[in-house]
Amino acid sequence: MAALLEVKDLSVAYGKVEAVHKVSLSVTEGTIVSVIGPNGAGKTTLLAALMGTLAAHGDIRYRNEAIGSLSVEQRVGGGLVLVPEKRDLFASMTVADNLELGAFARARRGDRDIARTLDDVYARFPRLQERRAQLAGTLSGGERQMLALGRALMSKPKLLMLDEPSLGLAPLVVREIFNIVSALKATGVSILLVEQNARAALQVSDYGYVLETGELALEGPSVELASNPKVAATYLGQGAGDGAARNALDGASPRAG
């Protein structure tokens, strides 16, 4: 299938400090791609550059068109949507109002299908429908993450970028969130997932990249990355002598760095 997003030699610097160095990755249509790595590896910076909130050098092609010069609004209008790590909800507004704001760009274009999308979001997140009149600031952590996902879906994204969706959530809620993320692929939404929870990310994704100190260290099909000795020992809490590591596959290709 065609690449929905193609990134080549992307670099991002804060002053003289380079946070992301010549990163290349792609997201094929209809797939979930994960980027894992430790805190401070540059994962959030990478997403900010793709979204256009940080200046970057390199080539970013979305739907086979260069988008490096496009504004954030133009990227959102084209179906590229980010759910940030902090979720950025409007705490003093209701759940329903937050969801409606997610479709703001569509409303400006005169899209008449917004009500159907809202019904779909409520069907996917019944808890949001139950709390539609509740202020977003009073929701639990898991409910706030569901609202952030629901608001993003209101814009009908083609590529959904998720920044640490499991951050700060209890294990049972994390499992629920990742089940939702996995189910989204069936709707035709492609997903770029950035996560410190490597185990959960690799379980739901088709392909993965390991980002370390701003550079790609490994990449490969997720099932093979999960069996790679380095990944197992560093990110999955398994020693080099564990069965998963001993049965490592060769599909995870080492990258420069």
C-alpha atoms as a PDB file:
ATOM      1  CA  MET A   1       0.000   0.000   0.000  1.00  0.00           C
ATOM      2  CA  ALA A   2       1.054   3.610  -0.524  1.00  0.00           C
ATOM      3  CA  ALA A   3       2.872   5.602   2.134  1.00  0.00           C
ATOM      4  CA  LEU A   4       0.519   8.127   3.715  1.00  0.00           C
ATOM      5  CA  LEU A   5       3.396   9.902   5.483  1.00  0.00           C
ATOM      6  CA  GLU A   6       7.005   9.858   4.310  1.00  0.00           C
ATOM      7  CA  VAL A   7       9.677  11.606   6.365  1.00  0.00           C
ATOM      8  CA  LYS A   8      13.288  11.866   5.210  1.00  0.00           C
ATOM      9  CA  ASP A   9      16.273  13.261   7.124  1.00  0.00           C
ATOM     10  CA  LEU A  10      14.180  15.310   9.539  1.00  0.00           C
ATOM     11  CA  SER A  11      16.191  17.390  12.013  1.00  0.00           C
ATOM     12  CA  VAL A  12      14.963  19.727  14.743  1.00  0.00           C
ATOM     13  CA  ALA A  13      17.116  21.994  16.898  1.00  0.00           C
ATOM     14  CA  TYR A  14      16.509  24.135  19.954  1.00  0.00           C
ATOM     15  CA  GLY A  15      19.078  26.837  19.378  1.00  0.00           C
ATOM     16  CA  LYS A  16      22.397  25.031  18.961  1.00  0.00           C
ATOM     17  CA  VAL A  17      21.120  21.815  20.518  1.00  0.00           C
ATOM     18  CA  GLU A  18      19.833  19.289  17.979  1.00  0.00           C
ATOM     19  CA  ALA A  19      16.969  17.281  19.513  1.00  0.00           C
ATOM     20  CA  VAL A  20      16.154  15.208  16.410  1.00  0.00           C
ATOM     21  CA  HIS A  21      18.843  14.263  13.899  1.00  0.00           C
ATOM     22  CA  LYS A  22      18.124  13.076  10.352  1.00  0.00           C
ATOM     23  CA  VAL A  23      15.152  10.873  11.226  1.00  0.00           C
ATOM     24  CA  SER A  24      13.474   9.018   8.364  1.00  0.00           C
ATOM     25  CA  LEU A  25      10.248   7.070   8.753  1.00  0.00           C
ATOM     26  CA  SER A  26       7.045   6.260   6.935  1.00  0.00           C
ATOM     27  CA  VAL A  27       3.448   5.390   7.756  1.00  0.00           C
ATOM     28  CA  THR A  28       1.621   3.212   5.273  1.00  0.00           C
ATOM     29  CA  GLU A  29      -2.098   3.706   4.797  1.00  0.00           C
ATOM     30  CA  GLY A  30      -4.215   1.605   7.127  1.00  0.00           C
ATOM     31  CA  THR A  31      -1.416   0.788   9.565  1.00  0.00           C
ATOM     32  CA  ILE A  32      -0.338   1.670  13.098  1.00  0.00           C
ATOM     33  CA  VAL A  33       3.296   2.700  13.403  1.00  0.00           C
ATOM     34  CA  SER A  34       4.911   3.156  16.804  1.00  0.00           C
ATOM     35  CA  VAL A  35       7.916   5.211  17.851  1.00  0.00           C
ATOM     36  CA  ILE A  36       9.314   4.051  21.176  1.00  0.00           C
ATOM     37  CA  GLY A  37      12.226   5.275  23.234  1.00  0.00           C
ATOM     38  CA  PRO A  38      13.210   6.690  26.603  1.00  0.00           C
ATOM     39  CA  ASN A  39      12.125  10.016  28.012  1.00  0.00           C
ATOM     40  CA  GLY A  40      14.063  12.799  26.303  1.00  0.00           C
ATOM     41  CA  ALA A  41      14.726  10.815  23.134  1.00  0.00           C
ATOM     42  CA  GLY A  42      13.001  13.434  20.954  1.00  0.00           C
ATOM     43  CA  LYS A  43       9.672  11.668  20.396  1.00  0.00           C
ATOM     44  CA  THR A  44       7.437  14.633  21.264  1.00  0.00           C
ATOM     45  CA  THR A  45       9.725  16.964  19.318  1.00  0.00           C
ATOM     46  CA  LEU A  46       9.336  14.723  16.287  1.00  0.00           C
ATOM     47  CA  LEU A  47       5.541  14.932  16.422  1.00  0.00           C
ATOM     48  CA  ALA A  48       5.616  18.704  16.927  1.00  0.00           C
ATOM     49  CA  ALA A  49       7.746  19.055  13.799  1.00  0.00           C
ATOM     50  CA  LEU A  50       5.382  16.864  11.790  1.00  0.00           C
ATOM     51  CA  MET A  51       2.446  18.934  13.004  1.00  0.00           C
ATOM     52  CA  GLY A  52       4.193  22.186  12.118  1.00  0.00           C
ATOM     53  CA  THR A  53       4.483  23.674  15.610  1.00  0.00           C
ATOM     54  CA  LEU A  54       8.281  23.430  15.517  1.00  0.00           C
ATOM     55  CA  ALA A  55      10.590  24.476  12.701  1.00  0.00           C
ATOM     56  CA  ALA A  56      12.393  21.554  11.107  1.00  0.00           C
ATOM     57  CA  HIS A  57      14.819  20.712   8.322  1.00  0.00           C
ATOM     58  CA  GLY A  58      14.211  17.779   6.027  1.00  0.00           C
ATOM     59  CA  ASP A  59      11.458  16.467   3.801  1.00  0.00           C
ATOM     60  CA  ILE A  60       7.943  15.766   5.091  1.00  0.00           C
ATOM     61  CA  ARG A  61       5.537  14.374   2.513  1.00  0.00           C
ATOM     62  CA  TYR A  62       1.912  13.688   3.359  1.00  0.00           C
ATOM     63  CA  ARG A  63      -0.292  12.021   0.749  1.00  0.00           C
ATOM     64  CA  ASN A  64       2.639  12.431  -1.648  1.00  0.00           C
ATOM     65  CA  GLU A  65       2.777  16.213  -1.213  1.00  0.00           C
ATOM     66  CA  ALA A  66       5.464  18.238   0.547  1.00  0.00           C
ATOM     67  CA  ILE A  67       3.905  19.908   3.594  1.00  0.00           C
ATOM     68  CA  GLY A  68       6.948  21.511   5.220  1.00  0.00           C
ATOM     69  CA  SER A  69       5.714  24.998   4.363  1.00  0.00           C
ATOM     70  CA  LEU A  70       2.078  24.427   5.398  1.00  0.00           C
ATOM     71  CA  SER A  71       0.585  25.929   8.566  1.00  0.00           C
ATOM     72  CA  VAL A  72      -0.799  23.816  11.393  1.00  0.00           C
ATOM     73  CA  GLU A  73      -4.324  24.700  10.272  1.00  0.00           C
ATOM     74  CA  GLN A  74      -3.610  23.574   6.724  1.00  0.00           C
ATOM     75  CA  ARG A  75      -2.197  20.270   7.947  1.00  0.00           C
ATOM     76  CA  VAL A  76      -5.253  19.683  10.129  1.00  0.00           C
ATOM     77  CA  GLY A  77      -7.483  20.562   7.194  1.00  0.00           C
ATOM     78  CA  GLY A  78      -5.720  17.890   5.171  1.00  0.00           C
ATOM     79  CA  GLY A  79      -6.438  15.219   7.765  1.00  0.00           C
ATOM     80  CA  LEU A  80      -3.229  15.271   9.827  1.00  0.00           C
ATOM     81  CA  VAL A  81      -4.222  15.483  13.510  1.00  0.00           C
ATOM     82  CA  LEU A  82      -2.232  15.339  16.757  1.00  0.00           C
ATOM     83  CA  VAL A  83      -3.465  14.319  20.208  1.00  0.00           C
ATOM     84  CA  PRO A  84      -0.808  15.961  22.407  1.00  0.00           C
ATOM     85  CA  GLU A  85       0.673  14.460  25.549  1.00  0.00           C
ATOM     86  CA  LYS A  86      -1.085  17.048  27.756  1.00  0.00           C
ATOM     87  CA  ARG A  87      -4.383  16.475  25.892  1.00  0.00           C
ATOM     88  CA  ASP A  88      -5.053  20.267  25.866  1.00  0.00           C
ATOM     89  CA  LEU A  89      -8.751  20.028  26.669  1.00  0.00           C
ATOM     90  CA  PHE A  90     -10.888  23.042  27.523  1.00  0.00           C
ATOM     91  CA  ALA A  91     -11.430  22.247  31.198  1.00  0.00           C
ATOM     92  CA  SER A  92     -14.183  24.813  31.783  1.00  0.00           C
ATOM     93  CA  MET A  93     -16.243  23.570  28.824  1.00  0.00           C
ATOM     94  CA  THR A  94     -18.462  20.523  28.656  1.00  0.00           C
ATOM     95  CA  VAL A  95     -17.567  17.235  27.034  1.00  0.00           C
ATOM     96  CA  ALA A  96     -20.028  17.966  24.225  1.00  0.00           C
ATOM     97  CA  ASP A  97     -18.550  21.425  23.584  1.00  0.00           C
ATOM     98  CA  ASN A  98     -15.010  20.022  23.468  1.00  0.00           C
ATOM     99  CA  LEU A  99     -16.125  17.456  20.893  1.00  0.00           C
ATOM    100  CA  GLU A 100     -17.875  20.067  18.774  1.00  0.00           C
ATOM    101  CA  LEU A 101     -14.707  22.169  18.734  1.00  0.00           C
ATOM    102  CA  GLY A 102     -12.927  19.203  17.217  1.00  0.00           C
ATOM    103  CA  ALA A 103     -15.092  19.638  14.132  1.00  0.00           C
ATOM    104  CA  PHE A 104     -14.560  23.412  13.919  1.00  0.00           C
ATOM    105  CA  ALA A 105     -12.635  23.304  10.641  1.00  0.00           C
ATOM    106  CA  ARG A 106     -15.244  21.020   9.106  1.00  0.00           C
ATOM    107  CA  ALA A 107     -18.041  23.348  10.227  1.00  0.00           C
ATOM    108  CA  ARG A 108     -16.286  26.284   8.560  1.00  0.00           C
ATOM    109  CA  ARG A 109     -16.165  24.293   5.325  1.00  0.00           C
ATOM    110  CA  GLY A 110     -19.898  23.674   5.560  1.00  0.00           C
ATOM    111  CA  ASP A 111     -19.612  19.929   6.234  1.00  0.00           C
ATOM    112  CA  ARG A 112     -23.101  18.611   6.979  1.00  0.00           C
ATOM    113  CA  ASP A 113     -21.978  15.229   8.292  1.00  0.00           C
ATOM    114  CA  ILE A 114     -20.751  16.416  11.694  1.00  0.00           C
ATOM    115  CA  ALA A 115     -23.755  15.110  13.635  1.00  0.00           C
ATOM    116  CA  ARG A 116     -23.154  11.610  12.280  1.00  0.00           C
ATOM    117  CA  THR A 117     -19.505  11.797  13.312  1.00  0.00           C
ATOM    118  CA  LEU A 118     -20.569  12.830  16.815  1.00  0.00           C
ATOM    119  CA  ASP A 119     -22.890   9.820  16.982  1.00  0.00           C
ATOM    120  CA  ASP A 120     -19.985   7.599  15.917  1.00  0.00           C
ATOM    121  CA  VAL A 121     -17.742   9.070  18.624  1.00  0.00           C
ATOM    122  CA  TYR A 122     -20.392   8.537  21.292  1.00  0.00           C
ATOM    123  CA  ALA A 123     -20.870   4.962  20.087  1.00  0.00           C
ATOM    124  CA  ARG A 124     -17.114   4.363  20.393  1.00  0.00           C
ATOM    125  CA  PHE A 125     -16.906   6.136  23.761  1.00  0.00           C
ATOM    126  CA  PRO A 126     -20.192   5.510  25.639  1.00  0.00           C
ATOM    127  CA  ARG A 127     -18.712   7.100  28.749  1.00  0.00           C
ATOM    128  CA  LEU A 128     -18.405  10.409  26.932  1.00  0.00           C
ATOM    129  CA  GLN A 129     -22.062  10.304  25.998  1.00  0.00           C
ATOM    130  CA  GLU A 130     -22.969   9.655  29.631  1.00  0.00           C
ATOM    131  CA  ARG A 131     -20.865  12.672  30.643  1.00  0.00           C
ATOM    132  CA  ARG A 132     -21.592  14.948  27.683  1.00  0.00           C
ATOM    133  CA  ALA A 133     -22.939  17.732  29.946  1.00  0.00           C
ATOM    134  CA  GLN A 134     -20.060  17.393  32.438  1.00  0.00           C
ATOM    135  CA  LEU A 135     -17.138  19.838  32.490  1.00  0.00           C
ATOM    136  CA  ALA A 136     -14.013  18.348  30.936  1.00  0.00           C
ATOM    137  CA  GLY A 137     -11.931  19.415  33.933  1.00  0.00           C
ATOM    138  CA  THR A 138     -13.904  17.113  36.226  1.00  0.00           C
ATOM    139  CA  LEU A 139     -13.234  13.934  34.233  1.00  0.00           C
ATOM    140  CA  SER A 140     -10.881  11.161  35.335  1.00  0.00           C
ATOM    141  CA  GLY A 141      -7.545  10.725  33.585  1.00  0.00           C
ATOM    142  CA  GLY A 142      -8.842   7.914  31.404  1.00  0.00           C
ATOM    143  CA  GLU A 143     -11.963   9.873  30.490  1.00  0.00           C
ATOM    144  CA  ARG A 144      -9.873  12.907  29.564  1.00  0.00           C
ATOM    145  CA  GLN A 145      -7.796  10.733  27.238  1.00  0.00           C
ATOM    146  CA  MET A 146     -10.980   9.355  25.673  1.00  0.00           C
ATOM    147  CA  LEU A 147     -12.228  12.910  25.189  1.00  0.00           C
ATOM    148  CA  ALA A 148      -8.945  13.933  23.569  1.00  0.00           C
ATOM    149  CA  LEU A 149      -9.218  10.975  21.183  1.00  0.00           C
ATOM    150  CA  GLY A 150     -12.888  11.673  20.513  1.00  0.00           C
ATOM    151  CA  ARG A 151     -12.221  15.347  19.795  1.00  0.00           C
ATOM    152  CA  ALA A 152      -9.490  14.369  17.317  1.00  0.00           C
ATOM    153  CA  LEU A 153     -11.838  11.927  15.582  1.00  0.00           C
ATOM    154  CA  MET A 154     -14.401  14.720  15.156  1.00  0.00           C
ATOM    155  CA  SER A 155     -12.061  16.239  12.563  1.00  0.00           C
ATOM    156  CA  LYS A 156     -12.177  12.974  10.549  1.00  0.00           C
ATOM    157  CA  PRO A 157      -8.392  12.489  10.430  1.00  0.00           C
ATOM    158  CA  LYS A 158      -6.625  10.386   7.848  1.00  0.00           C
ATOM    159  CA  LEU A 159      -3.495  10.213   9.993  1.00  0.00           C
ATOM    160  CA  LEU A 160      -3.874  10.379  13.765  1.00  0.00           C
ATOM    161  CA  MET A 161      -0.713  11.096  15.747  1.00  0.00           C
ATOM    162  CA  LEU A 162      -0.832  10.135  19.428  1.00  0.00           C
ATOM    163  CA  ASP A 163       1.713  11.452  21.915  1.00  0.00           C
ATOM    164  CA  GLU A 164       2.004   9.211  25.007  1.00  0.00           C
ATOM    165  CA  PRO A 165      -1.706   8.249  25.259  1.00  0.00           C
ATOM    166  CA  SER A 166      -1.011   6.009  28.285  1.00  0.00           C
ATOM    167  CA  LEU A 167       0.778   8.705  30.306  1.00  0.00           C
ATOM    168  CA  GLY A 168      -0.406   8.859  33.915  1.00  0.00           C
ATOM    169  CA  LEU A 169      -3.113   6.227  33.515  1.00  0.00           C
ATOM    170  CA  ALA A 170      -3.765   3.136  35.635  1.00  0.00           C
ATOM    171  CA  PRO A 171      -2.876  -0.220  34.008  1.00  0.00           C
ATOM    172  CA  LEU A 172      -6.506  -1.235  33.407  1.00  0.00           C
ATOM    173  CA  VAL A 173      -7.236   2.125  31.778  1.00  0.00           C
ATOM    174  CA  VAL A 174      -4.082   1.826  29.662  1.00  0.00           C
ATOM    175  CA  ARG A 175      -5.347  -1.515  28.361  1.00  0.00           C
ATOM    176  CA  GLU A 176      -8.710   0.058  27.512  1.00  0.00           C
ATOM    177  CA  ILE A 177      -7.077   2.980  25.695  1.00  0.00           C
ATOM    178  CA  PHE A 178      -4.858   0.699  23.616  1.00  0.00           C
ATOM    179  CA  ASN A 179      -7.827  -1.510  22.743  1.00  0.00           C
ATOM    180  CA  ILE A 180      -9.514   1.631  21.425  1.00  0.00           C
ATOM    181  CA  VAL A 181      -6.402   2.623  19.472  1.00  0.00           C
ATOM    182  CA  SER A 182      -6.186  -0.840  17.931  1.00  0.00           C
ATOM    183  CA  ALA A 183      -9.865  -0.740  16.953  1.00  0.00           C
ATOM    184  CA  LEU A 184      -9.451   2.626  15.223  1.00  0.00           C
ATOM    185  CA  LYS A 185      -7.379   1.011  12.494  1.00  0.00           C
ATOM    186  CA  ALA A 186     -10.469  -0.886  11.336  1.00  0.00           C
ATOM    187  CA  THR A 187     -12.146   2.458  10.593  1.00  0.00           C
ATOM    188  CA  GLY A 188      -9.455   3.326   8.038  1.00  0.00           C
ATOM    189  CA  VAL A 189      -7.529   5.757  10.239  1.00  0.00           C
ATOM    190  CA  SER A 190      -3.755   5.408  10.068  1.00  0.00           C
ATOM    191  CA  ILE A 191      -1.932   6.028  13.356  1.00  0.00           C
ATOM    192  CA  LEU A 192       1.522   7.231  14.344  1.00  0.00           C
ATOM    193  CA  LEU A 193       1.899   6.296  17.992  1.00  0.00           C
ATOM    194  CA  VAL A 194       4.631   7.739  20.218  1.00  0.00           C
ATOM    195  CA  GLU A 195       4.975   5.864  23.509  1.00  0.00           C
ATOM    196  CA  GLN A 196       7.298   5.122  26.421  1.00  0.00           C
ATOM    197  CA  ASN A 197       5.162   2.030  27.134  1.00  0.00           C
ATOM    198  CA  ALA A 198       7.014  -0.038  24.562  1.00  0.00           C
ATOM    199  CA  ARG A 199       5.239  -3.290  25.320  1.00  0.00           C
ATOM    200  CA  ALA A 200       1.757  -1.861  24.731  1.00  0.00           C
ATOM    201  CA  ALA A 201       2.866   0.119  21.671  1.00  0.00           C
ATOM    202  CA  LEU A 202       4.474  -2.846  19.950  1.00  0.00           C
ATOM    203  CA  GLN A 203       1.475  -5.064  20.702  1.00  0.00           C
ATOM    204  CA  VAL A 204      -0.935  -2.794  18.807  1.00  0.00           C
ATOM    205  CA  SER A 205       1.326  -1.539  16.007  1.00  0.00           C
ATOM    206  CA  ASP A 206       2.331  -3.084  12.708  1.00  0.00           C
ATOM    207  CA  TYR A 207       5.750  -1.482  12.437  1.00  0.00           C
ATOM    208  CA  GLY A 208       8.011   0.232  14.937  1.00  0.00           C
ATOM    209  CA  TYR A 209      10.962   2.570  15.294  1.00  0.00           C
ATOM    210  CA  VAL A 210      13.257   2.980  18.280  1.00  0.00           C
ATOM    211  CA  LEU A 211      14.373   6.576  18.864  1.00  0.00           C
ATOM    212  CA  GLU A 212      17.367   7.181  21.111  1.00  0.00           C
ATOM    213  CA  THR A 213      18.995  10.584  21.754  1.00  0.00           C
ATOM    214  CA  GLY A 214      17.275  12.031  18.703  1.00  0.00           C
ATOM    215  CA  GLU A 215      18.331   9.343  16.237  1.00  0.00           C
ATOM    216  CA  LEU A 216      16.752   6.133  14.996  1.00  0.00           C
ATOM    217  CA  ALA A 217      18.529   3.151  16.500  1.00  0.00           C
ATOM    218  CA  LEU A 218      16.332   0.306  15.239  1.00  0.00           C
ATOM    219  CA  GLU A 219      13.308  -0.303  13.068  1.00  0.00           C
ATOM    220  CA  GLY A 220      11.280  -3.254  11.884  1.00  0.00           C
ATOM    221  CA  PRO A 221       7.932  -5.069  12.075  1.00  0.00           C
ATOM    222  CA  SER A 222       6.660  -4.690  15.637  1.00  0.00           C
ATOM    223  CA  VAL A 223       6.594  -8.414  16.370  1.00  0.00           C
ATOM    224  CA  GLU A 224      10.253  -8.651  15.418  1.00  0.00           C
ATOM    225  CA  LEU A 225      11.260  -5.553  17.337  1.00  0.00           C
ATOM    226  CA  ALA A 226       9.611  -7.009  20.442  1.00  0.00           C
ATOM    227  CA  SER A 227      11.849 -10.079  20.074  1.00  0.00           C
ATOM    228  CA  ASN A 228      15.034  -8.114  19.463  1.00  0.00           C
ATOM    229  CA  PRO A 229      17.456  -8.661  22.390  1.00  0.00           C
ATOM    230  CA  LYS A 230      18.272  -4.960  22.775  1.00  0.00           C
ATOM    231  CA  VAL A 231      14.622  -3.911  22.756  1.00  0.00           C
ATOM    232  CA  ALA A 232      13.632  -6.739  25.102  1.00  0.00           C
ATOM    233  CA  ALA A 233      16.356  -5.880  27.602  1.00  0.00           C
ATOM    234  CA  THR A 234      16.060  -2.090  27.432  1.00  0.00           C
ATOM    235  CA  TYR A 235      12.355  -1.455  26.945  1.00  0.00           C
ATOM    236  CA  LEU A 236      10.463  -4.621  27.841  1.00  0.00           C
ATOM    237  CA  GLY A 237      12.231  -5.444  31.089  1.00  0.00           C
ATOM    238  CA  GLN A 238      13.576  -8.774  29.845  1.00  0.00           C
ATOM    239  CA  GLY A 239      17.137  -9.926  30.370  1.00  0.00           C
ATOM    240  CA  ALA A 240      19.326 -10.937  27.490  1.00  0.00           C
ATOM    241  CA  GLY A 241      18.914 -14.565  28.502  1.00  0.00           C
ATOM    242  CA  ASP A 242      15.119 -14.544  28.453  1.00  0.00           C
ATOM    243  CA  GLY A 243      13.297 -16.760  25.975  1.00  0.00           C
ATOM    244  CA  ALA A 244      12.019 -13.789  24.004  1.00  0.00           C
ATOM    245  CA  ALA A 245      15.543 -12.523  23.572  1.00  0.00           C
ATOM    246  CA  ARG A 246      17.017 -15.921  22.720  1.00  0.00           C
ATOM    247  CA  ASN A 247      14.463 -16.301  19.936  1.00  0.00           C
ATOM    248  CA  ALA A 248      15.202 -12.887  18.465  1.00  0.00           C
ATOM    249  CA  LEU A 249      14.386 -12.422  14.819  1.00  0.00           C
ATOM    250  CA  ASP A 250      16.551 -10.632  12.305  1.00  0.00           C
ATOM    251  CA  GLY A 251      13.901  -8.278  10.932  1.00  0.00           C
ATOM    252  CA  ALA A 252      14.812  -5.285  13.108  1.00  0.00           C
ATOM    253  CA  SER A 253      17.256  -3.378  10.951  1.00  0.00           C
ATOM    254  CA  PRO A 254      19.992  -1.398  12.757  1.00  0.00           C
ATOM    255  CA  ARG A 255      20.201   2.277  11.893  1.00  0.00           C
ATOM    256  CA  ALA A 256      23.127   4.644  12.022  1.00  0.00           C
ATOM    257  CA  GLY A 257      23.452   6.277  15.420  1.00  0.00           C
END
